[in-house]
Protein backbone atom coordinates (compact mmCIF):
# COMPACT_ATOMS: atom_id res chain seq x y z
CA MET A 1 126.63 69.51 141.95
CA ALA A 2 128.54 67.81 144.74
CA VAL A 3 129.93 64.40 143.88
CA GLY A 4 131.92 62.43 146.45
CA ASN A 5 133.11 65.63 148.12
CA ALA A 6 130.86 68.09 149.89
CA HIS A 7 133.04 70.93 148.64
CA ARG A 8 133.44 69.80 145.03
CA GLN A 9 131.36 71.29 142.24
CA ASP A 10 131.28 69.51 138.90
CA ASN A 11 130.51 70.88 135.44
CA GLN A 12 129.14 74.22 136.58
CA ALA A 13 128.09 76.75 133.92
CA VAL A 14 130.54 79.68 134.13
CA TYR A 15 132.14 82.59 132.33
CA VAL A 16 135.71 83.76 132.94
CA LEU A 17 135.71 87.35 134.21
CA HIS A 18 139.45 87.82 134.77
CA THR A 19 142.74 85.96 135.23
CA TYR A 20 146.03 86.99 136.80
CA PRO A 21 149.32 85.23 137.59
CA PHE A 22 149.62 83.13 140.72
CA LYS A 23 152.98 81.71 141.81
CA GLU A 24 155.30 80.57 139.02
CA THR A 25 153.08 78.63 136.64
CA SER A 26 149.49 79.09 137.83
CA LEU A 27 146.65 81.58 137.46
CA VAL A 28 143.92 82.90 139.67
CA VAL A 29 140.71 82.70 137.64
CA GLU A 30 137.72 84.81 138.61
CA LEU A 31 134.56 83.06 137.43
CA PHE A 32 130.93 84.11 137.17
CA ALA A 33 129.04 80.89 137.92
CA GLN A 34 125.35 80.42 137.25
CA GLN A 35 124.64 78.74 140.60
CA PHE A 36 127.36 80.29 142.76
CA GLY A 37 127.92 83.87 141.61
CA ARG A 38 131.50 85.13 141.60
CA VAL A 39 134.00 82.39 142.44
CA ALA A 40 137.79 82.68 142.69
CA THR A 41 139.79 79.60 141.70
CA THR A 42 143.41 78.66 141.09
CA ALA A 43 144.27 76.98 137.80
CA LYS A 44 147.49 75.12 138.62
CA GLY A 45 150.02 75.00 135.82
CA ALA A 46 147.78 77.02 133.48
CA ARG A 47 150.63 79.33 132.47
CA ARG A 48 152.67 76.46 131.10
CA PRO A 49 152.75 76.41 127.26
CA ARG A 50 151.33 72.88 127.04
CA SER A 51 148.60 73.34 129.63
CA ALA A 52 145.30 71.99 128.34
CA MET A 53 143.45 74.56 130.41
CA ARG A 54 145.40 77.57 129.15
CA GLY A 55 143.64 77.87 125.81
CA MET A 56 140.20 77.62 127.35
CA LEU A 57 140.54 80.45 129.85
CA GLN A 58 138.89 82.96 127.56
CA SER A 59 136.40 85.63 128.52
CA PHE A 60 132.89 85.69 127.02
CA GLN A 61 132.81 81.97 126.22
CA PRO A 62 130.29 79.66 127.94
CA LEU A 63 132.27 77.05 129.89
CA LEU A 64 131.72 74.17 132.29
CA ALA A 65 134.07 74.26 135.26
CA THR A 66 134.86 71.80 138.04
CA TRP A 67 136.44 73.02 141.29
CA SER A 68 136.73 72.15 144.97
CA GLY A 69 137.75 73.76 148.23
CA LYS A 70 136.46 75.10 151.53
CA GLN A 71 138.32 78.41 151.43
CA GLU A 72 137.50 81.52 149.41
CA LEU A 73 140.14 80.57 146.85
CA LYS A 74 139.08 77.25 145.29
CA THR A 75 141.11 74.80 143.20
CA MET A 76 140.00 74.34 139.61
CA HIS A 77 140.19 70.76 138.33
CA GLY A 78 138.85 71.05 134.81
CA LEU A 79 137.21 73.14 132.08
CA GLU A 80 135.06 72.17 129.11
CA TRP A 81 133.38 74.17 126.38
CA GLY A 82 129.79 74.88 127.31
CA GLY A 83 128.36 75.90 123.96
CA GLY A 84 129.00 77.81 120.76
CA LEU A 85 131.90 80.25 120.55
CA LEU A 86 131.12 83.94 120.75
CA LEU A 87 133.18 86.55 118.93
CA LEU A 88 133.38 90.11 120.27
CA GLN A 89 135.41 92.59 118.25
CA GLY A 90 136.38 96.25 118.41
CA GLU A 91 134.13 98.42 120.55
CA ALA A 92 131.92 95.43 121.38
CA LEU A 93 134.97 93.70 122.87
CA MET A 94 135.70 96.74 125.05
CA CYS A 95 132.05 96.75 126.14
CA GLY A 96 132.40 93.11 127.14
CA PHE A 97 135.45 93.89 129.29
CA TYR A 98 133.47 96.74 130.84
CA LEU A 99 130.71 94.33 131.86
CA ASN A 100 133.31 92.01 133.38
CA GLU A 101 134.89 94.83 135.37
CA LEU A 102 131.49 95.87 136.70
CA LEU A 103 130.81 92.31 137.86
CA LEU A 104 134.24 92.00 139.45
CA ARG A 105 133.78 95.23 141.36
CA LEU A 106 130.13 94.91 142.42
CA LEU A 107 129.33 91.19 142.76
CA PRO A 108 129.97 89.76 146.24
CA ARG A 109 131.80 86.44 146.27
CA GLU A 110 129.69 83.28 146.19
CA ASP A 111 126.37 85.14 146.16
CA PRO A 112 124.20 83.43 143.50
CA HIS A 113 122.50 85.62 140.89
CA GLU A 114 121.09 83.20 138.33
CA ALA A 115 118.84 85.78 136.63
CA LEU A 116 121.82 88.13 136.25
CA PHE A 117 123.93 85.27 134.87
CA GLU A 118 121.31 84.64 132.17
CA TYR A 119 121.05 88.36 131.41
CA TYR A 120 124.84 88.62 131.14
CA SER A 121 124.84 85.72 128.67
CA THR A 122 122.12 87.37 126.59
CA THR A 123 123.92 90.73 126.71
CA LEU A 124 127.13 89.17 125.36
CA LYS A 125 125.20 87.84 122.37
CA THR A 126 123.69 91.28 121.79
CA LEU A 127 127.15 92.85 121.89
CA ALA A 128 128.46 90.26 119.45
CA ALA A 129 125.70 91.26 117.03
CA GLY A 130 127.02 94.82 117.22
CA HIS A 131 123.67 96.61 117.52
CA ASP A 132 123.30 99.80 119.61
CA LEU A 133 126.13 99.12 122.03
CA ALA A 134 125.47 102.13 124.27
CA THR A 135 121.85 101.14 124.90
CA THR A 136 122.94 97.57 125.57
CA LEU A 137 125.26 98.87 128.28
CA ARG A 138 122.52 101.03 129.86
CA ARG A 139 120.21 98.03 130.09
CA PHE A 140 122.88 95.87 131.69
CA GLU A 141 123.95 98.57 134.16
CA LEU A 142 120.36 99.02 135.35
CA LYS A 143 119.71 95.27 135.52
CA LEU A 144 122.92 94.75 137.50
CA LEU A 145 122.06 97.33 140.16
CA GLN A 146 118.49 96.06 140.43
CA GLU A 147 119.59 92.43 140.76
CA LEU A 148 122.08 93.37 143.46
CA GLY A 149 119.22 94.85 145.47
CA TYR A 150 119.83 98.56 144.98
CA ALA A 151 116.55 100.48 144.82
CA ILE A 152 116.39 102.38 141.52
CA PRO A 153 112.80 103.73 141.51
CA LEU A 154 111.81 104.95 138.05
CA THR A 155 108.04 105.46 138.15
CA GLN A 156 107.61 107.23 141.52
CA ASP A 157 109.45 110.14 143.13
CA GLU A 158 110.89 110.22 146.65
CA ASN A 159 107.42 110.99 148.03
CA GLU A 160 105.85 108.06 146.13
CA ALA A 161 104.08 110.40 143.72
CA ALA A 162 103.89 109.28 140.09
CA ILE A 163 106.70 110.54 137.87
CA LEU A 164 105.43 113.12 135.36
CA SER A 165 106.85 113.01 131.86
CA GLU A 166 107.47 116.76 131.42
CA GLN A 167 108.59 117.47 134.99
CA LEU A 168 112.25 118.20 135.72
CA TYR A 169 113.69 116.05 138.53
CA ARG A 170 116.92 115.63 140.41
CA TYR A 171 117.77 111.96 140.91
CA GLU A 172 119.87 111.14 143.97
CA ALA A 173 121.37 107.74 144.85
CA GLU A 174 119.50 105.92 147.64
CA VAL A 175 116.83 108.66 147.58
CA GLY A 176 115.32 108.66 144.11
CA ALA A 177 113.76 111.47 142.09
CA ALA A 178 112.74 114.81 143.57
CA VAL A 179 111.08 117.73 141.80
CA VAL A 180 113.70 120.38 141.11
CA SER A 181 113.34 123.43 143.39
CA LYS A 182 115.30 126.58 144.20
CA ALA A 183 116.86 124.85 147.19
CA ASP A 184 117.98 121.97 144.97
CA ARG A 185 121.43 123.41 144.31
CA ALA A 186 122.70 122.04 147.61
CA ARG A 187 121.78 118.46 146.72
CA ASN A 188 123.77 115.84 144.88
CA GLY A 189 122.52 113.86 141.92
CA VAL A 190 121.60 114.28 138.27
CA GLN A 191 118.94 116.48 136.71
CA LEU A 192 116.72 114.85 134.11
CA LEU A 193 113.20 114.85 132.73
CA GLY A 194 110.56 112.50 134.06
CA LYS A 195 110.24 111.10 130.55
CA THR A 196 113.74 109.65 130.78
CA LEU A 197 112.85 107.73 133.95
CA LEU A 198 109.58 106.49 132.46
CA ASP A 199 111.36 105.47 129.24
CA MET A 200 113.94 103.52 131.25
CA ALA A 201 111.17 101.81 133.21
CA ALA A 202 109.58 100.83 129.89
CA ASP A 203 112.97 99.72 128.45
CA ASP A 204 112.57 102.32 125.67
CA TYR A 205 115.83 104.06 124.76
CA SER A 206 114.75 105.19 121.30
CA GLN A 207 114.84 108.95 122.02
CA PRO A 208 118.21 110.78 121.90
CA GLN A 209 117.39 112.71 125.08
CA THR A 210 116.67 109.47 126.94
CA GLN A 211 119.91 107.98 125.66
CA GLN A 212 121.92 110.97 126.88
CA GLN A 213 120.21 111.43 130.24
CA SER A 214 120.13 107.71 131.07
CA LYS A 215 123.89 107.58 130.43
CA GLN A 216 124.43 110.47 132.85
CA LEU A 217 122.18 108.84 135.45
CA MET A 218 123.82 105.42 135.26
CA ARG A 219 127.32 106.91 135.30
CA TYR A 220 126.41 108.81 138.47
CA LEU A 221 124.76 105.83 140.19
CA LEU A 222 127.60 103.45 139.36
CA GLY A 223 130.11 106.02 140.58
CA HIS A 224 128.22 106.21 143.86
CA TYR A 225 128.21 102.44 144.42
CA LEU A 226 131.74 101.82 143.12
CA GLY A 227 133.33 104.47 145.32
CA ASP A 228 136.55 106.34 144.64
CA GLN A 229 138.29 103.78 142.44
CA PRO A 230 137.36 104.45 138.77
CA LEU A 231 136.62 101.78 136.20
CA HIS A 232 139.54 101.34 133.79
CA THR A 233 137.36 100.14 130.93
CA ARG A 234 134.91 103.05 131.33
CA GLN A 235 137.70 105.53 130.53
CA LEU A 236 138.78 103.45 127.54
CA LEU A 237 135.22 103.47 126.21
CA ILE A 238 134.99 107.24 126.67
CA ASP A 239 138.26 107.61 124.76
CA LEU A 240 136.90 105.51 121.89
CA GLN A 241 133.40 106.97 121.79
CA ASP A 242 131.09 108.44 124.37
CA PHE A 243 129.46 105.36 125.91
């Protein structure tokens, strides 16, 4: 926490979400910090070949960062390894970049989300293990929207009636599930069975139908909250395999 400077933060647990060039030899580093949320910093001289910081600015690795500054763009003073190295390869690596792009697009700056930080860390380890990548993404997408405060009701419909497993619903962003009717054609959203919603609420993605319909639902909801600009990594994942 603050040491000697009210705007200095020392040895904060972070992950690197993204870097891009800044001036001749520096980088802007977008961090996901456990206690501060998304933080933008400048790493001065980090593009120089002999920069000590250059080799540490790697995504998916737990780091400890020190920065200071009053403005939105902080100045990074140091980085240290925060734990064991994590290796993401192939499709798991693309999934990791997808998570980072979601966080960059949806997380407000300097809005702490400690529970989401922990879940992100756990999700990276799950991706590294290479098990059921698509389901891992669905869980993270849902957790992200819930942690950001978006209402994603899964056990009650728009009238607060209990979701029925065999009932067909249309799920609409910021409205929830409604029983499909003849007048439903004019509404936006995704059609799915109540069982899919109940399975998602129970964190059970074992059924193929739930896997398929939950993917359609989350793709629709994320599209709604992200707006017109598509996710680059989402298209890459679709090109590789239908995630």
